[in-house]
Amino acid sequence: CGTGLAARRLAGRVGELACVDASARSLRRLAAAVGPHPVLLVRGDLSRLPFADASFDAVLCANVLQQVPGAAARRRVVAELARVA
């Protein structure tokens, strides 16, 4: 989720919002930016999400796949996003 460009727009407009990033610093900045809206902030790895299968109605993965090194790793991330959705 980074510092939350997309999350800030979604916060308060969707029922529940979970944001994942490997950086605790980015998550702290996002927490300050979303204000009073409830957002679950999770420090983690997109290739091993800490959520059960079918936990979400939808997922948004923006501006991150190009940061994942290698085609195999990108496929793992996409498969993991599909698993939780």
PDB file of N, CA and C in Angstrom:
ATOM      1  N   CYS A   1       0.807  -1.203   0.000  1.00  0.00           N
ATOM      2  CA  CYS A   1       0.000   0.000   0.000  1.00  0.00           C
ATOM      3  C   CYS A   1       0.846   1.261   0.000  1.00  0.00           C
ATOM      4  N   GLY A   2       2.111   1.118   0.314  1.00  0.00           N
ATOM      5  CA  GLY A   2       2.969   2.297   0.362  1.00  0.00           C
ATOM      6  C   GLY A   2       2.437   3.294   1.377  1.00  0.00           C
ATOM      7  N   THR A   3       2.477   4.559   1.023  1.00  0.00           N
ATOM      8  CA  THR A   3       1.956   5.583   1.929  1.00  0.00           C
ATOM      9  C   THR A   3       0.474   5.836   1.703  1.00  0.00           C
ATOM     10  N   GLY A   4      -0.151   5.050   0.827  1.00  0.00           N
ATOM     11  CA  GLY A   4      -1.597   5.025   0.753  1.00  0.00           C
ATOM     12  C   GLY A   4      -2.305   5.903  -0.250  1.00  0.00           C
ATOM     13  N   LEU A   5      -1.721   6.138  -1.403  1.00  0.00           N
ATOM     14  CA  LEU A   5      -2.406   6.951  -2.400  1.00  0.00           C
ATOM     15  C   LEU A   5      -3.807   6.399  -2.682  1.00  0.00           C
ATOM     16  N   ALA A   6      -3.902   5.113  -2.973  1.00  0.00           N
ATOM     17  CA  ALA A   6      -5.210   4.497  -3.241  1.00  0.00           C
ATOM     18  C   ALA A   6      -6.011   4.326  -1.954  1.00  0.00           C
ATOM     19  N   ALA A   7      -5.359   3.930  -0.882  1.00  0.00           N
ATOM     20  CA  ALA A   7      -6.060   3.680   0.379  1.00  0.00           C
ATOM     21  C   ALA A   7      -6.733   4.933   0.913  1.00  0.00           C
ATOM     22  N   ARG A   8      -6.084   6.061   0.767  1.00  0.00           N
ATOM     23  CA  ARG A   8      -6.688   7.307   1.258  1.00  0.00           C
ATOM     24  C   ARG A   8      -7.972   7.619   0.511  1.00  0.00           C
ATOM     25  N   ARG A   9      -8.026   7.255  -0.755  1.00  0.00           N
ATOM     26  CA  ARG A   9      -9.246   7.492  -1.538  1.00  0.00           C
ATOM     27  C   ARG A   9     -10.345   6.493  -1.186  1.00  0.00           C
ATOM     28  N   LEU A  10      -9.958   5.291  -0.786  1.00  0.00           N
ATOM     29  CA  LEU A  10     -10.935   4.249  -0.472  1.00  0.00           C
ATOM     30  C   LEU A  10     -11.426   4.300   0.974  1.00  0.00           C
ATOM     31  N   ALA A  11     -10.600   4.781   1.872  1.00  0.00           N
ATOM     32  CA  ALA A  11     -10.958   4.811   3.298  1.00  0.00           C
ATOM     33  C   ALA A  11     -12.261   5.576   3.489  1.00  0.00           C
ATOM     34  N   GLY A  12     -13.186   4.945   4.179  1.00  0.00           N
ATOM     35  CA  GLY A  12     -14.479   5.572   4.428  1.00  0.00           C
ATOM     36  C   GLY A  12     -15.484   5.344   3.317  1.00  0.00           C
ATOM     37  N   ARG A  13     -15.036   4.799   2.193  1.00  0.00           N
ATOM     38  CA  ARG A  13     -15.940   4.540   1.058  1.00  0.00           C
ATOM     39  C   ARG A  13     -16.240   3.059   0.873  1.00  0.00           C
ATOM     40  N   VAL A  14     -15.483   2.215   1.551  1.00  0.00           N
ATOM     41  CA  VAL A  14     -15.701   0.771   1.486  1.00  0.00           C
ATOM     42  C   VAL A  14     -15.963   0.279   2.899  1.00  0.00           C
ATOM     43  N   GLY A  15     -16.577  -0.887   3.024  1.00  0.00           N
ATOM     44  CA  GLY A  15     -16.905  -1.402   4.347  1.00  0.00           C
ATOM     45  C   GLY A  15     -15.681  -1.578   5.224  1.00  0.00           C
ATOM     46  N   GLU A  16     -14.752  -2.375   4.789  1.00  0.00           N
ATOM     47  CA  GLU A  16     -13.523  -2.602   5.534  1.00  0.00           C
ATOM     48  C   GLU A  16     -12.359  -2.518   4.560  1.00  0.00           C
ATOM     49  N   LEU A  17     -11.241  -2.016   5.030  1.00  0.00           N
ATOM     50  CA  LEU A  17     -10.079  -1.831   4.180  1.00  0.00           C
ATOM     51  C   LEU A  17      -8.860  -2.364   4.901  1.00  0.00           C
ATOM     52  N   ALA A  18      -8.136  -3.260   4.234  1.00  0.00           N
ATOM     53  CA  ALA A  18      -6.881  -3.787   4.773  1.00  0.00           C
ATOM     54  C   ALA A  18      -5.761  -3.364   3.837  1.00  0.00           C
ATOM     55  N   CYS A  19      -4.684  -2.862   4.403  1.00  0.00           N
ATOM     56  CA  CYS A  19      -3.546  -2.386   3.625  1.00  0.00           C
ATOM     57  C   CYS A  19      -2.298  -3.140   4.063  1.00  0.00           C
ATOM     58  N   VAL A  20      -1.548  -3.644   3.093  1.00  0.00           N
ATOM     59  CA  VAL A  20      -0.348  -4.425   3.382  1.00  0.00           C
ATOM     60  C   VAL A  20       0.861  -3.724   2.778  1.00  0.00           C
ATOM     61  N   ASP A  21       1.924  -3.650   3.563  1.00  0.00           N
ATOM     62  CA  ASP A  21       3.189  -3.126   3.063  1.00  0.00           C
ATOM     63  C   ASP A  21       4.321  -3.745   3.873  1.00  0.00           C
ATOM     64  N   ALA A  22       5.477  -3.870   3.267  1.00  0.00           N
ATOM     65  CA  ALA A  22       6.640  -4.406   3.962  1.00  0.00           C
ATOM     66  C   ALA A  22       7.283  -3.366   4.873  1.00  0.00           C
ATOM     67  N   SER A  23       6.967  -2.112   4.658  1.00  0.00           N
ATOM     68  CA  SER A  23       7.609  -1.018   5.384  1.00  0.00           C
ATOM     69  C   SER A  23       6.751  -0.501   6.538  1.00  0.00           C
ATOM     70  N   ALA A  24       7.268  -0.618   7.743  1.00  0.00           N
ATOM     71  CA  ALA A  24       6.558  -0.065   8.907  1.00  0.00           C
ATOM     72  C   ALA A  24       6.454   1.450   8.793  1.00  0.00           C
ATOM     73  N   ARG A  25       7.460   2.070   8.238  1.00  0.00           N
ATOM     74  CA  ARG A  25       7.440   3.529   8.076  1.00  0.00           C
ATOM     75  C   ARG A  25       6.295   3.963   7.157  1.00  0.00           C
ATOM     76  N   SER A  26       6.117   3.263   6.057  1.00  0.00           N
ATOM     77  CA  SER A  26       5.018   3.597   5.143  1.00  0.00           C
ATOM     78  C   SER A  26       3.670   3.410   5.826  1.00  0.00           C
ATOM     79  N   LEU A  27       3.542   2.345   6.602  1.00  0.00           N
ATOM     80  CA  LEU A  27       2.282   2.095   7.301  1.00  0.00           C
ATOM     81  C   LEU A  27       1.996   3.193   8.335  1.00  0.00           C
ATOM     82  N   ARG A  28       3.019   3.675   9.010  1.00  0.00           N
ATOM     83  CA  ARG A  28       2.817   4.776   9.969  1.00  0.00           C
ATOM     84  C   ARG A  28       2.346   6.039   9.251  1.00  0.00           C
ATOM     85  N   ARG A  29       2.935   6.319   8.104  1.00  0.00           N
ATOM     86  CA  ARG A  29       2.518   7.501   7.341  1.00  0.00           C
ATOM     87  C   ARG A  29       1.075   7.341   6.866  1.00  0.00           C
ATOM     88  N   LEU A  30       0.717   6.141   6.437  1.00  0.00           N
ATOM     89  CA  LEU A  30      -0.656   5.892   6.004  1.00  0.00           C
ATOM     90  C   LEU A  30      -1.625   6.037   7.170  1.00  0.00           C
ATOM     91  N   ALA A  31      -1.276   5.523   8.325  1.00  0.00           N
ATOM     92  CA  ALA A  31      -2.146   5.632   9.506  1.00  0.00           C
ATOM     93  C   ALA A  31      -2.469   7.087   9.802  1.00  0.00           C
ATOM     94  N   ALA A  32      -1.487   7.952   9.679  1.00  0.00           N
ATOM     95  CA  ALA A  32      -1.709   9.371   9.929  1.00  0.00           C
ATOM     96  C   ALA A  32      -2.567  10.008   8.843  1.00  0.00           C
ATOM     97  N   ALA A  33      -2.485   9.494   7.628  1.00  0.00           N
ATOM     98  CA  ALA A  33      -3.178  10.102   6.493  1.00  0.00           C
ATOM     99  C   ALA A  33      -4.655   9.723   6.397  1.00  0.00           C
ATOM    100  N   VAL A  34      -5.047   8.547   6.877  1.00  0.00           N
ATOM    101  CA  VAL A  34      -6.440   8.115   6.718  1.00  0.00           C
ATOM    102  C   VAL A  34      -7.359   8.690   7.776  1.00  0.00           C
ATOM    103  N   GLY A  35      -6.803   9.312   8.781  1.00  0.00           N
ATOM    104  CA  GLY A  35      -7.625   9.972   9.782  1.00  0.00           C
ATOM    105  C   GLY A  35      -8.491   9.007  10.564  1.00  0.00           C
ATOM    106  N   PRO A  36      -9.772   9.351  10.744  1.00  0.00           N
ATOM    107  CA  PRO A  36     -10.631   8.566  11.622  1.00  0.00           C
ATOM    108  C   PRO A  36     -11.177   7.283  10.991  1.00  0.00           C
ATOM    109  N   HIS A  37     -10.914   7.064   9.733  1.00  0.00           N
ATOM    110  CA  HIS A  37     -11.470   5.886   9.065  1.00  0.00           C
ATOM    111  C   HIS A  37     -10.764   4.608   9.520  1.00  0.00           C
ATOM    112  N   PRO A  38     -11.539   3.554   9.812  1.00  0.00           N
ATOM    113  CA  PRO A  38     -10.921   2.300  10.254  1.00  0.00           C
ATOM    114  C   PRO A  38     -10.237   1.587   9.085  1.00  0.00           C
ATOM    115  N   VAL A  39      -8.946   1.380   9.230  1.00  0.00           N
ATOM    116  CA  VAL A  39      -8.151   0.693   8.223  1.00  0.00           C
ATOM    117  C   VAL A  39      -7.246  -0.293   8.951  1.00  0.00           C
ATOM    118  N   LEU A  40      -7.249  -1.546   8.496  1.00  0.00           N
ATOM    119  CA  LEU A  40      -6.358  -2.553   9.049  1.00  0.00           C
ATOM    120  C   LEU A  40      -5.016  -2.414   8.342  1.00  0.00           C
ATOM    121  N   LEU A  41      -3.974  -2.098   9.092  1.00  0.00           N
ATOM    122  CA  LEU A  41      -2.637  -1.940   8.537  1.00  0.00           C
ATOM    123  C   LEU A  41      -1.815  -3.166   8.903  1.00  0.00           C
ATOM    124  N   VAL A  42      -1.257  -3.817   7.881  1.00  0.00           N
ATOM    125  CA  VAL A  42      -0.541  -5.072   8.084  1.00  0.00           C
ATOM    126  C   VAL A  42       0.852  -4.968   7.471  1.00  0.00           C
ATOM    127  N   ARG A  43       1.860  -5.212   8.289  1.00  0.00           N
ATOM    128  CA  ARG A  43       3.219  -5.292   7.752  1.00  0.00           C
ATOM    129  C   ARG A  43       3.421  -6.726   7.283  1.00  0.00           C
ATOM    130  N   GLY A  44       3.686  -6.878   5.993  1.00  0.00           N
ATOM    131  CA  GLY A  44       3.809  -8.229   5.486  1.00  0.00           C
ATOM    132  C   GLY A  44       4.336  -8.295   4.067  1.00  0.00           C
ATOM    133  N   ASP A  45       4.336  -9.499   3.568  1.00  0.00           N
ATOM    134  CA  ASP A  45       4.872  -9.850   2.261  1.00  0.00           C
ATOM    135  C   ASP A  45       3.708 -10.256   1.360  1.00  0.00           C
ATOM    136  N   LEU A  46       3.584  -9.625   0.208  1.00  0.00           N
ATOM    137  CA  LEU A  46       2.473  -9.935  -0.696  1.00  0.00           C
ATOM    138  C   LEU A  46       2.488 -11.371  -1.204  1.00  0.00           C
ATOM    139  N   SER A  47       3.618 -12.031  -1.135  1.00  0.00           N
ATOM    140  CA  SER A  47       3.663 -13.421  -1.600  1.00  0.00           C
ATOM    141  C   SER A  47       3.256 -14.400  -0.505  1.00  0.00           C
ATOM    142  N   ARG A  48       3.047 -13.902   0.724  1.00  0.00           N
ATOM    143  CA  ARG A  48       2.605 -14.733   1.856  1.00  0.00           C
ATOM    144  C   ARG A  48       1.668 -13.911   2.735  1.00  0.00           C
ATOM    145  N   LEU A  49       0.488 -13.660   2.243  1.00  0.00           N
ATOM    146  CA  LEU A  49      -0.453 -12.807   2.976  1.00  0.00           C
ATOM    147  C   LEU A  49      -1.009 -13.531   4.204  1.00  0.00           C
ATOM    148  N   PRO A  50      -1.139 -12.830   5.319  1.00  0.00           N
ATOM    149  CA  PRO A  50      -1.618 -13.450   6.554  1.00  0.00           C
ATOM    150  C   PRO A  50      -3.144 -13.455   6.674  1.00  0.00           C
ATOM    151  N   PHE A  51      -3.812 -13.841   5.597  1.00  0.00           N
ATOM    152  CA  PHE A  51      -5.273 -13.873   5.571  1.00  0.00           C
ATOM    153  C   PHE A  51      -5.733 -15.232   5.061  1.00  0.00           C
ATOM    154  N   ALA A  52      -6.904 -15.648   5.515  1.00  0.00           N
ATOM    155  CA  ALA A  52      -7.482 -16.914   5.053  1.00  0.00           C
ATOM    156  C   ALA A  52      -7.950 -16.788   3.605  1.00  0.00           C
ATOM    157  N   ASP A  53      -8.127 -17.925   2.974  1.00  0.00           N
ATOM    158  CA  ASP A  53      -8.681 -17.956   1.621  1.00  0.00           C
ATOM    159  C   ASP A  53     -10.009 -17.208   1.594  1.00  0.00           C
ATOM    160  N   ALA A  54     -10.250 -16.510   0.508  1.00  0.00           N
ATOM    161  CA  ALA A  54     -11.523 -15.815   0.273  1.00  0.00           C
ATOM    162  C   ALA A  54     -11.883 -14.836   1.400  1.00  0.00           C
ATOM    163  N   SER A  55     -10.905 -14.168   1.958  1.00  0.00           N
ATOM    164  CA  SER A  55     -11.149 -13.202   3.036  1.00  0.00           C
ATOM    165  C   SER A  55     -11.735 -11.889   2.544  1.00  0.00           C
ATOM    166  N   PHE A  56     -11.557 -11.581   1.266  1.00  0.00           N
ATOM    167  CA  PHE A  56     -11.927 -10.280   0.736  1.00  0.00           C
ATOM    168  C   PHE A  56     -12.834 -10.405  -0.478  1.00  0.00           C
ATOM    169  N   ASP A  57     -13.688  -9.413  -0.651  1.00  0.00           N
ATOM    170  CA  ASP A  57     -14.543  -9.346  -1.836  1.00  0.00           C
ATOM    171  C   ASP A  57     -13.758  -8.878  -3.054  1.00  0.00           C
ATOM    172  N   ALA A  58     -12.723  -8.093  -2.826  1.00  0.00           N
ATOM    173  CA  ALA A  58     -11.922  -7.553  -3.919  1.00  0.00           C
ATOM    174  C   ALA A  58     -10.536  -7.205  -3.394  1.00  0.00           C
ATOM    175  N   VAL A  59      -9.580  -7.163  -4.309  1.00  0.00           N
ATOM    176  CA  VAL A  59      -8.233  -6.698  -3.972  1.00  0.00           C
ATOM    177  C   VAL A  59      -7.812  -5.662  -5.002  1.00  0.00           C
ATOM    178  N   LEU A  60      -6.972  -4.762  -4.558  1.00  0.00           N
ATOM    179  CA  LEU A  60      -6.393  -3.752  -5.440  1.00  0.00           C
ATOM    180  C   LEU A  60      -4.892  -3.814  -5.245  1.00  0.00           C
ATOM    181  N   CYS A  61      -4.188  -4.020  -6.321  1.00  0.00           N
ATOM    182  CA  CYS A  61      -2.729  -4.066  -6.276  1.00  0.00           C
ATOM    183  C   CYS A  61      -2.236  -3.050  -7.297  1.00  0.00           C
ATOM    184  N   ALA A  62      -1.882  -1.873  -6.820  1.00  0.00           N
ATOM    185  CA  ALA A  62      -1.492  -0.785  -7.718  1.00  0.00           C
ATOM    186  C   ALA A  62      -0.055  -0.361  -7.454  1.00  0.00           C
ATOM    187  N   ASN A  63       0.690  -0.207  -8.512  1.00  0.00           N
ATOM    188  CA  ASN A  63       2.060   0.315  -8.444  1.00  0.00           C
ATOM    189  C   ASN A  63       3.002  -0.529  -7.600  1.00  0.00           C
ATOM    190  N   VAL A  64       2.811  -1.846  -7.626  1.00  0.00           N
ATOM    191  CA  VAL A  64       3.714  -2.688  -6.840  1.00  0.00           C
ATOM    192  C   VAL A  64       4.317  -3.825  -7.648  1.00  0.00           C
ATOM    193  N   LEU A  65       3.596  -4.405  -8.580  1.00  0.00           N
ATOM    194  CA  LEU A  65       4.126  -5.576  -9.282  1.00  0.00           C
ATOM    195  C   LEU A  65       5.441  -5.281  -9.994  1.00  0.00           C
ATOM    196  N   GLN A  66       5.598  -4.070 -10.487  1.00  0.00           N
ATOM    197  CA  GLN A  66       6.849  -3.731 -11.157  1.00  0.00           C
ATOM    198  C   GLN A  66       8.019  -3.678 -10.178  1.00  0.00           C
ATOM    199  N   GLN A  67       7.735  -3.633  -8.877  1.00  0.00           N
ATOM    200  CA  GLN A  67       8.777  -3.624  -7.851  1.00  0.00           C
ATOM    201  C   GLN A  67       9.187  -5.034  -7.429  1.00  0.00           C
ATOM    202  N   VAL A  68       8.394  -6.032  -7.812  1.00  0.00           N
ATOM    203  CA  VAL A  68       8.680  -7.421  -7.442  1.00  0.00           C
ATOM    204  C   VAL A  68       9.673  -7.984  -8.458  1.00  0.00           C
ATOM    205  N   PRO A  69      10.838  -8.442  -8.000  1.00  0.00           N
ATOM    206  CA  PRO A  69      11.865  -8.908  -8.930  1.00  0.00           C
ATOM    207  C   PRO A  69      11.578 -10.298  -9.498  1.00  0.00           C
ATOM    208  N   GLY A  70      11.441 -10.370 -10.801  1.00  0.00           N
ATOM    209  CA  GLY A  70      11.307 -11.655 -11.477  1.00  0.00           C
ATOM    210  C   GLY A  70       9.872 -12.070 -11.741  1.00  0.00           C
ATOM    211  N   ALA A  71       9.704 -12.710 -12.886  1.00  0.00           N
ATOM    212  CA  ALA A  71       8.374 -13.149 -13.320  1.00  0.00           C
ATOM    213  C   ALA A  71       7.773 -14.187 -12.371  1.00  0.00           C
ATOM    214  N   ALA A  72       8.577 -15.112 -11.876  1.00  0.00           N
ATOM    215  CA  ALA A  72       8.060 -16.147 -10.972  1.00  0.00           C
ATOM    216  C   ALA A  72       7.544 -15.529  -9.679  1.00  0.00           C
ATOM    217  N   ALA A  73       8.269 -14.574  -9.148  1.00  0.00           N
ATOM    218  CA  ALA A  73       7.833 -13.905  -7.920  1.00  0.00           C
ATOM    219  C   ALA A  73       6.556 -13.104  -8.159  1.00  0.00           C
ATOM    220  N   ARG A  74       6.450 -12.459  -9.315  1.00  0.00           N
ATOM    221  CA  ARG A  74       5.222 -11.714  -9.641  1.00  0.00           C
ATOM    222  C   ARG A  74       4.039 -12.662  -9.754  1.00  0.00           C
ATOM    223  N   ARG A  75       4.254 -13.831 -10.338  1.00  0.00           N
ATOM    224  CA  ARG A  75       3.157 -14.820 -10.431  1.00  0.00           C
ATOM    225  C   ARG A  75       2.716 -15.271  -9.045  1.00  0.00           C
ATOM    226  N   ARG A  76       3.678 -15.454  -8.124  1.00  0.00           N
ATOM    227  CA  ARG A  76       3.317 -15.842  -6.745  1.00  0.00           C
ATOM    228  C   ARG A  76       2.471 -14.767  -6.079  1.00  0.00           C
ATOM    229  N   VAL A  77       2.816 -13.510  -6.283  1.00  0.00           N
ATOM    230  CA  VAL A  77       2.046 -12.420  -5.697  1.00  0.00           C
ATOM    231  C   VAL A  77       0.632 -12.416  -6.260  1.00  0.00           C
ATOM    232  N   VAL A  78       0.496 -12.537  -7.569  1.00  0.00           N
ATOM    233  CA  VAL A  78      -0.828 -12.539  -8.177  1.00  0.00           C
ATOM    234  C   VAL A  78      -1.635 -13.731  -7.696  1.00  0.00           C
ATOM    235  N   ALA A  79      -1.027 -14.884  -7.581  1.00  0.00           N
ATOM    236  CA  ALA A  79      -1.729 -16.071  -7.084  1.00  0.00           C
ATOM    237  C   ALA A  79      -2.183 -15.865  -5.643  1.00  0.00           C
ATOM    238  N   GLU A  80      -1.360 -15.229  -4.831  1.00  0.00           N
ATOM    239  CA  GLU A  80      -1.712 -14.975  -3.429  1.00  0.00           C
ATOM    240  C   GLU A  80      -2.859 -13.968  -3.337  1.00  0.00           C
ATOM    241  N   LEU A  81      -2.838 -12.949  -4.162  1.00  0.00           N
ATOM    242  CA  LEU A  81      -3.955 -11.993  -4.183  1.00  0.00           C
ATOM    243  C   LEU A  81      -5.245 -12.683  -4.599  1.00  0.00           C
ATOM    244  N   ALA A  82      -5.160 -13.556  -5.582  1.00  0.00           N
ATOM    245  CA  ALA A  82      -6.345 -14.306  -6.018  1.00  0.00           C
ATOM    246  C   ALA A  82      -6.835 -15.237  -4.907  1.00  0.00           C
ATOM    247  N   ARG A  83      -5.925 -15.821  -4.174  1.00  0.00           N
ATOM    248  CA  ARG A  83      -6.307 -16.743  -3.072  1.00  0.00           C
ATOM    249  C   ARG A  83      -7.137 -16.025  -2.019  1.00  0.00           C
ATOM    250  N   VAL A  84      -6.724 -14.835  -1.620  1.00  0.00           N
ATOM    251  CA  VAL A  84      -7.456 -14.150  -0.554  1.00  0.00           C
ATOM    252  C   VAL A  84      -8.744 -13.502  -1.055  1.00  0.00           C
ATOM    253  N   ALA A  85      -8.857 -13.340  -2.365  1.00  0.00           N
ATOM    254  CA  ALA A  85     -10.093 -12.804  -2.946  1.00  0.00           C
ATOM    255  C   ALA A  85     -11.012 -13.948  -3.319  1.00  0.00           C
TER     256      ALA A  85
END
